[in-house]
Amino acid sequence: MFYATVLLQLTLANVPANVPEFGWFQDIVPHDSQFTCQETLPEKYREVYATMSKDKVLDKMSIVEIRCMTVEDYVYRNEEFGHNFTAWGIR
């Protein structure tokens, strides 16, 4: 299964050193193929941007990229940034 996944970058000053600057956030809607997932990305980007604007999150972080990933790829890429999925009970 593939999910729309957004890469966010923290843009806050004074972020603790143990907080990764980047992180992937994954949608909960599964797609059977990467192709069908990719078809949803333009609309998903608009949804994420609108939500972040409304919630005033864009002054704290920015959208870097949006792509389709499996859950395994999502976990792996976040662990590369220093996120600890074992502590969250995901691994």
N, C-alpha and C. Protein backbone atom coordinates (compact mmCIF):
# COMPACT_ATOMS: atom_id res chain seq x y z
N MET A 1 0.83 -1.17 0.00
CA MET A 1 0.00 0.00 0.00
C MET A 1 0.89 1.25 0.00
N PHE A 2 0.41 2.28 -0.68
CA PHE A 2 1.12 3.55 -0.76
C PHE A 2 0.27 4.66 -0.13
N TYR A 3 0.94 5.60 0.49
CA TYR A 3 0.28 6.71 1.17
C TYR A 3 0.93 8.03 0.76
N ALA A 4 0.12 9.07 0.60
CA ALA A 4 0.68 10.40 0.39
C ALA A 4 1.47 10.76 1.64
N THR A 5 2.69 11.23 1.45
CA THR A 5 3.60 11.48 2.57
C THR A 5 4.28 12.83 2.34
N VAL A 6 4.25 13.68 3.36
CA VAL A 6 4.74 15.05 3.25
C VAL A 6 6.00 15.21 4.09
N LEU A 7 7.04 15.78 3.47
CA LEU A 7 8.27 16.10 4.20
C LEU A 7 8.15 17.53 4.71
N LEU A 8 8.26 17.69 6.03
CA LEU A 8 8.19 19.00 6.66
C LEU A 8 9.55 19.35 7.27
N GLN A 9 9.84 20.64 7.29
CA GLN A 9 11.06 21.14 7.89
C GLN A 9 10.69 22.16 8.96
N LEU A 10 11.23 21.97 10.17
CA LEU A 10 11.02 22.94 11.24
C LEU A 10 11.76 24.22 10.89
N THR A 11 11.10 25.34 11.07
CA THR A 11 11.73 26.63 10.79
C THR A 11 11.79 27.51 12.04
N LEU A 12 11.52 26.91 13.19
CA LEU A 12 11.57 27.65 14.45
C LEU A 12 13.00 27.89 14.89
N ALA A 13 13.22 29.00 15.54
CA ALA A 13 14.51 29.24 16.19
C ALA A 13 14.49 28.52 17.54
N ASN A 14 15.65 28.22 18.06
CA ASN A 14 15.79 27.63 19.40
C ASN A 14 15.15 26.25 19.54
N VAL A 15 15.20 25.45 18.49
CA VAL A 15 14.70 24.08 18.57
C VAL A 15 15.76 23.25 19.29
N PRO A 16 15.36 22.44 20.28
CA PRO A 16 16.35 21.61 20.98
C PRO A 16 17.15 20.73 20.01
N ALA A 17 18.40 20.49 20.34
CA ALA A 17 19.30 19.72 19.47
C ALA A 17 18.79 18.31 19.21
N ASN A 18 18.01 17.74 20.13
CA ASN A 18 17.54 16.36 19.96
C ASN A 18 16.27 16.28 19.11
N VAL A 19 15.77 17.39 18.62
CA VAL A 19 14.57 17.39 17.76
C VAL A 19 15.03 17.49 16.31
N PRO A 20 14.73 16.46 15.50
CA PRO A 20 15.14 16.50 14.10
C PRO A 20 14.52 17.67 13.36
N GLU A 21 15.29 18.27 12.46
CA GLU A 21 14.82 19.41 11.68
C GLU A 21 13.78 18.99 10.64
N PHE A 22 13.89 17.77 10.15
CA PHE A 22 12.99 17.27 9.11
C PHE A 22 12.19 16.08 9.62
N GLY A 23 11.03 15.88 9.02
CA GLY A 23 10.22 14.71 9.33
C GLY A 23 9.15 14.48 8.29
N TRP A 24 8.91 13.22 7.99
CA TRP A 24 7.86 12.82 7.06
C TRP A 24 6.58 12.57 7.84
N PHE A 25 5.45 13.06 7.33
CA PHE A 25 4.14 12.82 7.91
C PHE A 25 3.30 12.12 6.86
N GLN A 26 2.63 11.04 7.28
CA GLN A 26 1.94 10.18 6.32
C GLN A 26 0.44 10.25 6.49
N ASP A 27 -0.26 10.31 5.34
CA ASP A 27 -1.71 10.30 5.29
C ASP A 27 -2.22 8.92 5.74
N ILE A 28 -3.49 8.84 6.09
CA ILE A 28 -4.05 7.56 6.53
C ILE A 28 -4.82 6.84 5.43
N VAL A 29 -4.96 7.48 4.26
CA VAL A 29 -5.71 6.88 3.16
C VAL A 29 -4.78 6.04 2.30
N PRO A 30 -5.00 4.71 2.26
CA PRO A 30 -4.12 3.86 1.46
C PRO A 30 -4.51 3.84 -0.02
N HIS A 31 -3.50 3.58 -0.85
CA HIS A 31 -3.71 3.42 -2.29
C HIS A 31 -3.07 2.11 -2.71
N ASP A 32 -3.74 1.39 -3.60
CA ASP A 32 -3.25 0.07 -4.03
C ASP A 32 -1.97 0.13 -4.84
N SER A 33 -1.73 1.25 -5.51
CA SER A 33 -0.53 1.36 -6.33
C SER A 33 0.09 2.75 -6.17
N GLN A 34 1.35 2.84 -6.52
CA GLN A 34 2.03 4.12 -6.45
C GLN A 34 1.41 5.09 -7.46
N PHE A 35 1.00 4.57 -8.59
CA PHE A 35 0.38 5.42 -9.63
C PHE A 35 -0.89 6.08 -9.12
N THR A 36 -1.80 5.30 -8.53
CA THR A 36 -3.05 5.89 -8.05
C THR A 36 -2.79 6.87 -6.91
N CYS A 37 -1.79 6.59 -6.10
CA CYS A 37 -1.41 7.51 -5.03
C CYS A 37 -0.91 8.82 -5.63
N GLN A 38 -0.05 8.73 -6.62
CA GLN A 38 0.54 9.93 -7.22
C GLN A 38 -0.53 10.82 -7.86
N GLU A 39 -1.59 10.22 -8.33
CA GLU A 39 -2.68 11.01 -8.92
C GLU A 39 -3.32 11.94 -7.89
N THR A 40 -3.25 11.60 -6.62
CA THR A 40 -3.88 12.39 -5.56
C THR A 40 -2.97 13.49 -5.01
N LEU A 41 -1.68 13.49 -5.38
CA LEU A 41 -0.72 14.40 -4.74
C LEU A 41 -1.03 15.89 -4.93
N PRO A 42 -1.42 16.36 -6.10
CA PRO A 42 -1.71 17.80 -6.20
C PRO A 42 -2.81 18.25 -5.24
N GLU A 43 -3.88 17.48 -5.16
CA GLU A 43 -4.97 17.82 -4.24
C GLU A 43 -4.54 17.67 -2.79
N LYS A 44 -3.78 16.63 -2.50
CA LYS A 44 -3.30 16.42 -1.13
C LYS A 44 -2.40 17.56 -0.69
N TYR A 45 -1.53 18.04 -1.58
CA TYR A 45 -0.67 19.18 -1.26
C TYR A 45 -1.52 20.40 -0.91
N ARG A 46 -2.54 20.66 -1.71
CA ARG A 46 -3.42 21.81 -1.43
C ARG A 46 -4.10 21.66 -0.08
N GLU A 47 -4.55 20.44 0.26
CA GLU A 47 -5.20 20.19 1.55
C GLU A 47 -4.24 20.45 2.71
N VAL A 48 -3.03 19.91 2.60
CA VAL A 48 -2.04 20.07 3.66
C VAL A 48 -1.68 21.54 3.82
N TYR A 49 -1.45 22.22 2.71
CA TYR A 49 -1.09 23.64 2.77
C TYR A 49 -2.22 24.46 3.40
N ALA A 50 -3.45 24.20 3.00
CA ALA A 50 -4.59 24.93 3.55
C ALA A 50 -4.74 24.69 5.05
N THR A 51 -4.58 23.44 5.48
CA THR A 51 -4.69 23.12 6.90
C THR A 51 -3.58 23.79 7.69
N MET A 52 -2.35 23.73 7.17
CA MET A 52 -1.23 24.35 7.87
C MET A 52 -1.40 25.87 7.93
N SER A 53 -1.94 26.47 6.89
CA SER A 53 -2.18 27.91 6.88
C SER A 53 -3.24 28.29 7.91
N LYS A 54 -4.32 27.54 7.91
CA LYS A 54 -5.43 27.81 8.82
C LYS A 54 -4.99 27.66 10.28
N ASP A 55 -4.19 26.65 10.54
CA ASP A 55 -3.74 26.38 11.91
C ASP A 55 -2.48 27.17 12.28
N LYS A 56 -2.05 28.06 11.39
CA LYS A 56 -0.88 28.92 11.62
C LYS A 56 0.39 28.11 11.90
N VAL A 57 0.51 26.98 11.21
CA VAL A 57 1.68 26.12 11.37
C VAL A 57 2.81 26.54 10.42
N LEU A 58 2.47 27.23 9.35
CA LEU A 58 3.48 27.58 8.34
C LEU A 58 4.54 28.53 8.87
N ASP A 59 4.28 29.19 10.01
CA ASP A 59 5.33 30.03 10.60
C ASP A 59 6.29 29.21 11.46
N LYS A 60 6.00 27.92 11.63
CA LYS A 60 6.84 27.04 12.43
C LYS A 60 7.54 25.97 11.59
N MET A 61 6.94 25.64 10.45
CA MET A 61 7.51 24.62 9.58
C MET A 61 7.07 24.87 8.15
N SER A 62 7.81 24.28 7.23
CA SER A 62 7.49 24.45 5.82
C SER A 62 7.38 23.09 5.14
N ILE A 63 6.59 23.07 4.07
CA ILE A 63 6.45 21.86 3.26
C ILE A 63 7.62 21.82 2.29
N VAL A 64 8.38 20.74 2.33
CA VAL A 64 9.54 20.59 1.46
C VAL A 64 9.18 19.78 0.23
N GLU A 65 8.40 18.72 0.45
CA GLU A 65 8.14 17.77 -0.64
C GLU A 65 6.93 16.94 -0.28
N ILE A 66 6.27 16.41 -1.29
CA ILE A 66 5.20 15.43 -1.08
C ILE A 66 5.40 14.32 -2.10
N ARG A 67 5.28 13.08 -1.62
CA ARG A 67 5.45 11.92 -2.49
C ARG A 67 4.68 10.74 -1.91
N CYS A 68 4.63 9.66 -2.64
CA CYS A 68 3.96 8.44 -2.18
C CYS A 68 4.99 7.47 -1.63
N MET A 69 4.68 6.90 -0.47
CA MET A 69 5.58 5.94 0.18
C MET A 69 4.78 4.83 0.83
N THR A 70 5.47 3.73 1.03
CA THR A 70 4.93 2.67 1.86
C THR A 70 5.20 3.04 3.32
N VAL A 71 4.56 2.35 4.23
CA VAL A 71 4.80 2.60 5.66
C VAL A 71 6.26 2.28 6.00
N GLU A 72 6.78 1.21 5.43
CA GLU A 72 8.16 0.81 5.72
C GLU A 72 9.15 1.90 5.29
N ASP A 73 8.92 2.47 4.11
CA ASP A 73 9.80 3.54 3.62
C ASP A 73 9.67 4.79 4.50
N TYR A 74 8.45 5.10 4.90
CA TYR A 74 8.18 6.23 5.79
C TYR A 74 8.96 6.10 7.11
N VAL A 75 8.90 4.93 7.71
CA VAL A 75 9.61 4.70 8.98
C VAL A 75 11.11 4.80 8.76
N TYR A 76 11.62 4.14 7.73
CA TYR A 76 13.06 4.14 7.44
C TYR A 76 13.58 5.56 7.23
N ARG A 77 12.89 6.35 6.41
CA ARG A 77 13.34 7.71 6.12
C ARG A 77 13.28 8.61 7.35
N ASN A 78 12.28 8.43 8.18
CA ASN A 78 12.22 9.21 9.42
C ASN A 78 13.32 8.81 10.39
N GLU A 79 13.63 7.54 10.44
CA GLU A 79 14.72 7.10 11.31
C GLU A 79 16.06 7.67 10.84
N GLU A 80 16.22 7.84 9.53
CA GLU A 80 17.43 8.48 9.02
C GLU A 80 17.58 9.91 9.54
N PHE A 81 16.45 10.58 9.77
CA PHE A 81 16.48 11.94 10.33
C PHE A 81 16.68 11.95 11.85
N GLY A 82 16.56 10.77 12.48
CA GLY A 82 16.77 10.70 13.92
C GLY A 82 15.51 10.47 14.73
N HIS A 83 14.38 10.25 14.06
CA HIS A 83 13.14 9.95 14.80
C HIS A 83 13.21 8.52 15.31
N ASN A 84 12.71 8.29 16.51
CA ASN A 84 12.81 6.99 17.16
C ASN A 84 11.44 6.30 17.16
N PHE A 85 11.22 5.44 16.18
CA PHE A 85 9.94 4.75 16.08
C PHE A 85 9.80 3.64 17.10
N THR A 86 10.90 3.11 17.58
CA THR A 86 10.85 2.08 18.62
C THR A 86 10.21 2.65 19.88
N ALA A 87 10.58 3.88 20.22
CA ALA A 87 10.02 4.53 21.41
C ALA A 87 8.51 4.75 21.26
N TRP A 88 8.03 4.87 20.02
CA TRP A 88 6.61 5.09 19.78
C TRP A 88 5.85 3.77 19.64
N GLY A 89 6.56 2.65 19.73
CA GLY A 89 5.91 1.34 19.61
C GLY A 89 5.59 0.95 18.19
N ILE A 90 6.22 1.60 17.22
CA ILE A 90 5.96 1.28 15.81
C ILE A 90 6.88 0.19 15.31
N ARG A 91 8.06 0.10 15.86
CA ARG A 91 9.04 -0.93 15.46
C ARG A 91 9.08 -2.01 16.49
